[in-house]
Amino acid sequence: MSYYDRHVFFCCNQRDGGRTCCNNKGASAMRDYAKQRVKELGLSGPGKVRINQAGCLDRCEEGPCVVVYPDAVWYTYVDRSDIDEIIEEHLRHGRIVERLRM
């Protein structure tokens, strides 16, 4: 059994030279929001969900992106409502959000 049921990584990479990157699309703020929401909903902690920052996940052109393990499901998102949907559907109920899947 894994220490966390699901481990969520937000790409928060910052590329040099003005190249497209997830952090320029608000990734750090969305990671902070997701972290706050899973805590508010009682979903964080051992045996539950962990939200983390990742370095480059190498999908910046498609991003911003997040990956949920152990499911290995990749998502993109636009705003907080997309993050809320991922939390509610995937993290709480185990249902993949196909419209946001990469």
C-alpha atoms as a PDB file:
ATOM      1  CA  MET A   1       0.000   0.000   0.000  1.00  0.00           C
ATOM      2  CA  SER A   2       1.248   3.463  -0.896  1.00  0.00           C
ATOM      3  CA  TYR A   3       1.641   6.168   1.737  1.00  0.00           C
ATOM      4  CA  TYR A   4      -0.814   8.318  -0.242  1.00  0.00           C
ATOM      5  CA  ASP A   5      -3.822   7.041  -2.145  1.00  0.00           C
ATOM      6  CA  ARG A   6      -3.167   9.615  -4.879  1.00  0.00           C
ATOM      7  CA  HIS A   7      -0.181  11.860  -5.454  1.00  0.00           C
ATOM      8  CA  VAL A   8      -0.823  14.899  -7.660  1.00  0.00           C
ATOM      9  CA  PHE A   9       2.027  16.750  -9.354  1.00  0.00           C
ATOM     10  CA  PHE A  10       1.580  20.236 -10.801  1.00  0.00           C
ATOM     11  CA  CYS A  11       4.203  21.224 -13.350  1.00  0.00           C
ATOM     12  CA  CYS A  12       5.494  24.566 -12.058  1.00  0.00           C
ATOM     13  CA  ASN A  13       8.509  24.824 -14.310  1.00  0.00           C
ATOM     14  CA  GLN A  14       9.780  28.239 -15.338  1.00  0.00           C
ATOM     15  CA  ARG A  15      11.632  28.186 -18.665  1.00  0.00           C
ATOM     16  CA  ASP A  16      14.205  30.771 -19.684  1.00  0.00           C
ATOM     17  CA  GLY A  17      13.998  33.034 -22.688  1.00  0.00           C
ATOM     18  CA  GLY A  18      10.249  33.507 -22.774  1.00  0.00           C
ATOM     19  CA  ARG A  19       9.602  29.909 -23.874  1.00  0.00           C
ATOM     20  CA  THR A  20       6.166  28.473 -23.171  1.00  0.00           C
ATOM     21  CA  CYS A  21       5.940  26.945 -19.713  1.00  0.00           C
ATOM     22  CA  CYS A  22       3.301  25.895 -17.231  1.00  0.00           C
ATOM     23  CA  ASN A  23       4.302  28.440 -14.606  1.00  0.00           C
ATOM     24  CA  ASN A  24       3.634  31.305 -17.026  1.00  0.00           C
ATOM     25  CA  LYS A  25       0.085  29.943 -17.251  1.00  0.00           C
ATOM     26  CA  GLY A  26      -0.586  30.205 -13.512  1.00  0.00           C
ATOM     27  CA  ALA A  27       0.528  26.747 -12.401  1.00  0.00           C
ATOM     28  CA  SER A  28       1.947  27.774  -9.017  1.00  0.00           C
ATOM     29  CA  ALA A  29      -1.231  29.613  -8.052  1.00  0.00           C
ATOM     30  CA  MET A  30      -3.361  26.636  -9.129  1.00  0.00           C
ATOM     31  CA  ARG A  31      -1.158  24.252  -7.131  1.00  0.00           C
ATOM     32  CA  ASP A  32      -1.641  26.436  -4.058  1.00  0.00           C
ATOM     33  CA  TYR A  33      -5.380  26.513  -4.676  1.00  0.00           C
ATOM     34  CA  ALA A  34      -5.572  22.715  -5.075  1.00  0.00           C
ATOM     35  CA  LYS A  35      -3.558  22.208  -1.891  1.00  0.00           C
ATOM     36  CA  GLN A  36      -5.931  24.490   0.017  1.00  0.00           C
ATOM     37  CA  ARG A  37      -9.056  22.806  -1.403  1.00  0.00           C
ATOM     38  CA  VAL A  38      -8.010  19.225  -0.602  1.00  0.00           C
ATOM     39  CA  LYS A  39      -7.267  20.340   2.972  1.00  0.00           C
ATOM     40  CA  GLU A  40     -10.642  22.102   3.271  1.00  0.00           C
ATOM     41  CA  LEU A  41     -12.393  18.992   1.976  1.00  0.00           C
ATOM     42  CA  GLY A  42     -10.538  16.684   4.367  1.00  0.00           C
ATOM     43  CA  LEU A  43      -8.852  14.843   1.503  1.00  0.00           C
ATOM     44  CA  SER A  44      -5.210  15.551   2.409  1.00  0.00           C
ATOM     45  CA  GLY A  45      -2.783  13.509   4.466  1.00  0.00           C
ATOM     46  CA  PRO A  46      -1.490   9.952   4.772  1.00  0.00           C
ATOM     47  CA  GLY A  47      -3.704   7.430   3.023  1.00  0.00           C
ATOM     48  CA  LYS A  48      -5.417  10.238   1.142  1.00  0.00           C
ATOM     49  CA  VAL A  49      -4.175  12.877  -1.321  1.00  0.00           C
ATOM     50  CA  ARG A  50      -0.882  14.762  -1.582  1.00  0.00           C
ATOM     51  CA  ILE A  51      -0.509  17.836  -3.822  1.00  0.00           C
ATOM     52  CA  ASN A  52       3.046  18.624  -4.937  1.00  0.00           C
ATOM     53  CA  GLN A  53       4.989  20.853  -7.268  1.00  0.00           C
ATOM     54  CA  ALA A  54       7.064  19.233  -9.993  1.00  0.00           C
ATOM     55  CA  GLY A  55       9.801  20.512 -12.211  1.00  0.00           C
ATOM     56  CA  CYS A  56       9.344  20.276 -15.948  1.00  0.00           C
ATOM     57  CA  LEU A  57       7.025  17.464 -16.998  1.00  0.00           C
ATOM     58  CA  ASP A  58       7.892  18.229 -20.642  1.00  0.00           C
ATOM     59  CA  ARG A  59       4.376  18.935 -21.887  1.00  0.00           C
ATOM     60  CA  CYS A  60       4.499  22.727 -21.648  1.00  0.00           C
ATOM     61  CA  GLU A  61       3.005  23.330 -25.091  1.00  0.00           C
ATOM     62  CA  GLU A  62      -0.100  21.408 -23.995  1.00  0.00           C
ATOM     63  CA  GLY A  63      -0.149  22.826 -20.479  1.00  0.00           C
ATOM     64  CA  PRO A  64      -0.507  23.840 -17.896  1.00  0.00           C
ATOM     65  CA  CYS A  65      -0.474  20.238 -16.797  1.00  0.00           C
ATOM     66  CA  VAL A  66      -0.949  18.058 -13.759  1.00  0.00           C
ATOM     67  CA  VAL A  67      -0.474  14.308 -13.398  1.00  0.00           C
ATOM     68  CA  VAL A  68      -2.242  12.074 -10.879  1.00  0.00           C
ATOM     69  CA  TYR A  69      -0.445   8.963  -9.610  1.00  0.00           C
ATOM     70  CA  PRO A  70      -0.691   6.025  -9.272  1.00  0.00           C
ATOM     71  CA  ASP A  71      -3.309   6.369 -12.013  1.00  0.00           C
ATOM     72  CA  ALA A  72      -0.852   8.080 -14.419  1.00  0.00           C
ATOM     73  CA  VAL A  73      -3.636  10.358 -15.662  1.00  0.00           C
ATOM     74  CA  TRP A  74      -2.540  13.671 -17.180  1.00  0.00           C
ATOM     75  CA  TYR A  75      -4.778  16.735 -17.160  1.00  0.00           C
ATOM     76  CA  THR A  76      -4.697  20.255 -18.442  1.00  0.00           C
ATOM     77  CA  TYR A  77      -6.774  23.016 -16.873  1.00  0.00           C
ATOM     78  CA  VAL A  78      -7.777  26.622 -17.406  1.00  0.00           C
ATOM     79  CA  ASP A  79      -9.147  27.851 -14.102  1.00  0.00           C
ATOM     80  CA  ARG A  80     -10.215  26.980 -10.574  1.00  0.00           C
ATOM     81  CA  SER A  81     -13.422  25.334 -11.739  1.00  0.00           C
ATOM     82  CA  ASP A  82     -11.328  22.814 -13.706  1.00  0.00           C
ATOM     83  CA  ILE A  83      -9.234  22.128 -10.593  1.00  0.00           C
ATOM     84  CA  ASP A  84     -12.435  21.738  -8.550  1.00  0.00           C
ATOM     85  CA  GLU A  85     -13.741  19.224 -11.083  1.00  0.00           C
ATOM     86  CA  ILE A  86     -10.513  17.180 -10.959  1.00  0.00           C
ATOM     87  CA  ILE A  87     -10.626  17.186  -7.154  1.00  0.00           C
ATOM     88  CA  GLU A  88     -14.300  16.255  -6.951  1.00  0.00           C
ATOM     89  CA  GLU A  89     -14.438  13.687  -9.726  1.00  0.00           C
ATOM     90  CA  HIS A  90     -11.003  12.073  -9.778  1.00  0.00           C
ATOM     91  CA  LEU A  91      -9.575  12.569  -6.305  1.00  0.00           C
ATOM     92  CA  ARG A  92     -12.798  12.140  -4.364  1.00  0.00           C
ATOM     93  CA  HIS A  93     -14.714   9.662  -6.538  1.00  0.00           C
ATOM     94  CA  GLY A  94     -12.073   7.993  -8.726  1.00  0.00           C
ATOM     95  CA  ARG A  95     -13.683   9.089 -12.000  1.00  0.00           C
ATOM     96  CA  ILE A  96     -11.381  10.408 -14.725  1.00  0.00           C
ATOM     97  CA  VAL A  97     -12.374  13.817 -16.098  1.00  0.00           C
ATOM     98  CA  GLU A  98     -12.159  13.019 -19.807  1.00  0.00           C
ATOM     99  CA  ARG A  99     -12.742  16.572 -21.030  1.00  0.00           C
ATOM    100  CA  LEU A 100      -9.536  17.726 -19.276  1.00  0.00           C
ATOM    101  CA  ARG A 101      -7.445  14.644 -19.996  1.00  0.00           C
ATOM    102  CA  MET A 102      -4.280  15.128 -22.047  1.00  0.00           C
END
